[in-house]
Amino acid sequence: MDTFFTGDNHFNHANIIKYSKRPFKDVDEMNETMIVNWNAKVKRDDLIYVLGDFIFGDWNKIIRRLNGKIFLILGSHDGNVFDCKDFLYDIKRLHEFKQGGFDITLCHYAMRVWPRSHFNSWHLYGHSHGYLESFGKSFDIGVDAQNFFPLSLEEVKKKMDKLPDNFNLVKKDNQA
């Protein structure tokens, strides 16, 4: 079982193509591309965290086709998600957990500081559709910033390895 992260899918949201300059001719092409990309990486028993703005309108034809156990971090456009809550493993506004030896905070919105950021923990967010630069050990996990694919924990780790320490890192006396 692997862990994946994504966000800002905006399934069924035709206007997001224009607003975020997505390279699709219509909502059907966008939906199908993102479903294929999702299922190419995420297997049936994998965990996938969606960081908000998941599905607009008719969720049924989308969610039934997606692999994985879906955990939703609520975004600014998830009002209808409670209609499909039986297909989600959990729904939260903020989620903090430890995985692979790393403290991780998930939120739809970017934060300058987050729980344990002073210990160089990670923060994944969405909402900004690829327009907001990383800040320390945080970055935009949304589909617009990730070529319309979810990222695995290992892919996130590789990206975090290249990012600078958090500005508020508490350095121990024996560190430089």
Protein backbone atom coordinates (compact mmCIF):
# COMPACT_ATOMS: atom_id res chain seq x y z
CA MET A 1 0.00 0.00 0.00
CA ASP A 2 1.42 3.38 -1.06
CA THR A 3 0.42 6.94 -0.19
CA PHE A 4 -0.36 9.64 -2.76
CA PHE A 5 -1.28 13.33 -2.71
CA THR A 6 -3.19 15.57 -5.10
CA GLY A 7 -5.58 18.51 -5.03
CA ASP A 8 -7.52 21.09 -7.00
CA ASN A 9 -8.80 18.47 -9.42
CA HIS A 10 -12.00 20.43 -10.07
CA PHE A 11 -13.57 17.42 -11.79
CA ASN A 12 -16.65 18.52 -13.80
CA HIS A 13 -15.73 22.23 -13.52
CA ALA A 14 -15.66 23.54 -17.10
CA ASN A 15 -14.65 27.09 -16.16
CA ILE A 16 -11.43 25.93 -14.44
CA ILE A 17 -10.02 25.18 -17.90
CA LYS A 18 -10.11 28.91 -18.70
CA TYR A 19 -9.32 30.20 -15.18
CA SER A 20 -6.23 28.00 -14.73
CA LYS A 21 -5.28 27.83 -18.42
CA ARG A 22 -5.58 24.05 -18.46
CA PRO A 23 -4.64 22.40 -21.79
CA PHE A 24 -7.97 20.68 -22.42
CA LYS A 25 -10.59 21.33 -25.11
CA ASP A 26 -13.48 20.61 -22.73
CA VAL A 27 -14.44 19.24 -19.32
CA ASP A 28 -14.84 15.68 -20.60
CA GLU A 29 -11.27 15.60 -21.90
CA MET A 30 -10.01 17.12 -18.63
CA ASN A 31 -11.94 14.62 -16.47
CA GLU A 32 -10.82 11.65 -18.53
CA THR A 33 -7.15 12.71 -18.54
CA MET A 34 -7.11 13.19 -14.78
CA ILE A 35 -8.89 9.87 -14.13
CA VAL A 36 -6.41 8.01 -16.36
CA ASN A 37 -3.44 9.80 -14.75
CA TRP A 38 -4.76 9.09 -11.23
CA ASN A 39 -5.36 5.39 -11.92
CA ALA A 40 -2.01 4.99 -13.68
CA LYS A 41 -0.31 5.64 -10.34
CA VAL A 42 -2.83 4.92 -7.59
CA LYS A 43 -3.84 1.29 -7.07
CA ARG A 44 -7.09 0.09 -5.50
CA ASP A 45 -5.71 -0.26 -1.92
CA ASP A 46 -3.43 2.80 -1.92
CA LEU A 47 -4.18 5.86 0.21
CA ILE A 48 -4.70 9.15 -1.56
CA TYR A 49 -5.09 12.52 0.11
CA VAL A 50 -7.00 15.10 -1.95
CA LEU A 51 -6.27 18.63 -0.78
CA GLY A 52 -9.56 20.24 -1.68
CA ASP A 53 -11.63 21.41 -4.65
CA PHE A 54 -12.24 17.83 -5.65
CA ILE A 55 -15.47 17.36 -7.62
CA PHE A 56 -18.14 19.78 -8.87
CA GLY A 57 -21.68 18.74 -9.69
CA ASP A 58 -22.30 15.06 -10.37
CA TRP A 59 -19.61 13.29 -8.34
CA ASN A 60 -20.99 9.79 -8.92
CA LYS A 61 -19.62 9.22 -12.44
CA ILE A 62 -16.14 10.34 -11.33
CA ILE A 63 -15.56 8.97 -7.85
CA ARG A 64 -16.58 5.41 -8.73
CA ARG A 65 -13.80 5.28 -11.34
CA LEU A 66 -10.97 6.48 -9.08
CA ASN A 67 -8.60 4.00 -7.45
CA GLY A 68 -7.53 4.23 -3.83
CA LYS A 69 -8.92 5.05 -0.44
CA ILE A 70 -9.68 8.76 -0.69
CA PHE A 71 -9.10 11.11 2.24
CA LEU A 72 -10.43 14.62 1.54
CA ILE A 73 -9.02 17.80 3.02
CA LEU A 74 -11.82 20.31 2.44
CA GLY A 75 -11.20 23.16 0.03
CA SER A 76 -13.12 26.25 -0.95
CA HIS A 77 -15.36 24.41 -3.44
CA ASP A 78 -16.27 21.18 -1.67
CA GLY A 79 -19.82 21.95 -0.55
CA ASN A 80 -21.31 19.01 -2.44
CA VAL A 81 -18.80 16.48 -1.09
CA PHE A 82 -21.05 15.41 1.73
CA ASP A 83 -23.27 13.84 -0.92
CA CYS A 84 -20.46 11.36 -1.63
CA LYS A 85 -19.11 10.96 1.91
CA ASP A 86 -19.84 7.22 1.82
CA PHE A 87 -17.11 6.91 -0.84
CA LEU A 88 -14.53 8.84 1.21
CA TYR A 89 -12.51 7.42 4.09
CA ASP A 90 -12.31 10.70 5.94
CA ILE A 91 -13.08 14.41 5.55
CA LYS A 92 -11.11 17.10 7.43
CA ARG A 93 -10.08 20.73 7.12
CA LEU A 94 -6.51 20.13 8.28
CA HIS A 95 -4.65 16.89 8.71
CA GLU A 96 -1.39 16.28 10.57
CA PHE A 97 0.34 12.91 10.60
CA LYS A 98 3.68 11.17 10.52
CA GLN A 99 4.63 8.93 7.60
CA GLY A 100 7.95 7.62 6.40
CA GLY A 101 9.62 9.31 9.36
CA PHE A 102 8.33 12.76 8.35
CA ASP A 103 5.82 15.04 10.04
CA ILE A 104 3.36 16.19 7.38
CA THR A 105 0.64 18.85 7.51
CA LEU A 106 -2.02 18.90 4.80
CA CYS A 107 -4.30 21.87 4.16
CA HIS A 108 -6.05 23.22 1.08
CA TYR A 109 -4.48 26.61 1.78
CA ALA A 110 -0.79 27.50 1.91
CA MET A 111 0.59 28.50 5.30
CA ARG A 112 3.77 30.37 6.22
CA VAL A 113 4.04 28.37 9.43
CA TRP A 114 2.34 25.10 10.27
CA PRO A 115 2.48 22.52 13.06
CA ARG A 116 6.09 21.48 13.67
CA SER A 117 7.43 23.72 10.89
CA HIS A 118 10.12 24.80 13.34
CA PHE A 119 11.30 21.15 13.26
CA ASN A 120 11.43 21.18 9.42
CA SER A 121 8.16 19.32 8.98
CA TRP A 122 6.47 19.30 5.58
CA HIS A 123 3.40 21.15 4.40
CA LEU A 124 1.44 20.29 1.25
CA TYR A 125 -1.28 22.60 -0.04
CA GLY A 126 -3.44 23.36 -3.03
CA HIS A 127 -5.68 26.33 -3.86
CA SER A 128 -3.03 28.31 -5.74
CA HIS A 129 -3.14 26.32 -9.01
CA GLY A 130 0.62 26.44 -9.47
CA TYR A 131 0.94 30.21 -9.08
CA LEU A 132 2.44 30.26 -5.57
CA GLU A 133 6.10 29.37 -5.11
CA SER A 134 7.26 26.91 -2.49
CA PHE A 135 8.10 28.25 0.94
CA GLY A 136 10.63 26.18 2.89
CA LYS A 137 9.48 22.57 3.11
CA SER A 138 6.07 23.29 1.56
CA PHE A 139 4.75 23.19 -1.97
CA ASP A 140 1.61 23.12 -4.09
CA ILE A 141 0.48 19.52 -4.60
CA GLY A 142 -2.43 20.54 -6.86
CA VAL A 143 -2.82 19.04 -10.32
CA ASP A 144 -2.00 22.30 -12.10
CA ALA A 145 1.45 22.28 -10.47
CA GLN A 146 2.00 18.51 -10.94
CA ASN A 147 1.16 17.93 -14.62
CA PHE A 148 -2.30 16.58 -13.67
CA PHE A 149 -0.90 13.58 -11.77
CA PRO A 150 -0.97 12.71 -8.07
CA LEU A 151 2.45 12.43 -6.39
CA SER A 152 3.58 9.49 -4.30
CA LEU A 153 5.16 9.94 -0.88
CA GLU A 154 8.52 9.05 -2.47
CA GLU A 155 8.06 11.74 -5.13
CA VAL A 156 7.15 14.26 -2.44
CA LYS A 157 10.28 13.28 -0.49
CA LYS A 158 12.46 13.88 -3.57
CA LYS A 159 10.95 17.34 -4.01
CA MET A 160 11.35 18.15 -0.31
CA ASP A 161 15.03 17.09 -0.43
CA LYS A 162 15.61 19.92 -2.94
CA LEU A 163 13.79 22.59 -0.93
CA PRO A 164 15.47 24.81 1.67
CA ASP A 165 14.92 24.36 5.38
CA ASN A 166 11.97 26.14 6.91
CA PHE A 167 12.87 29.69 7.93
CA ASN A 168 11.82 29.04 11.52
CA LEU A 169 13.87 25.85 11.93
CA VAL A 170 15.11 25.51 15.50
CA LYS A 171 18.76 24.63 15.14
CA LYS A 172 20.40 22.56 17.84
CA ASP A 173 23.60 23.86 19.43
CA ASN A 174 25.74 21.39 17.48
CA GLN A 175 24.27 22.42 14.12
CA ALA A 176 25.74 25.17 11.99
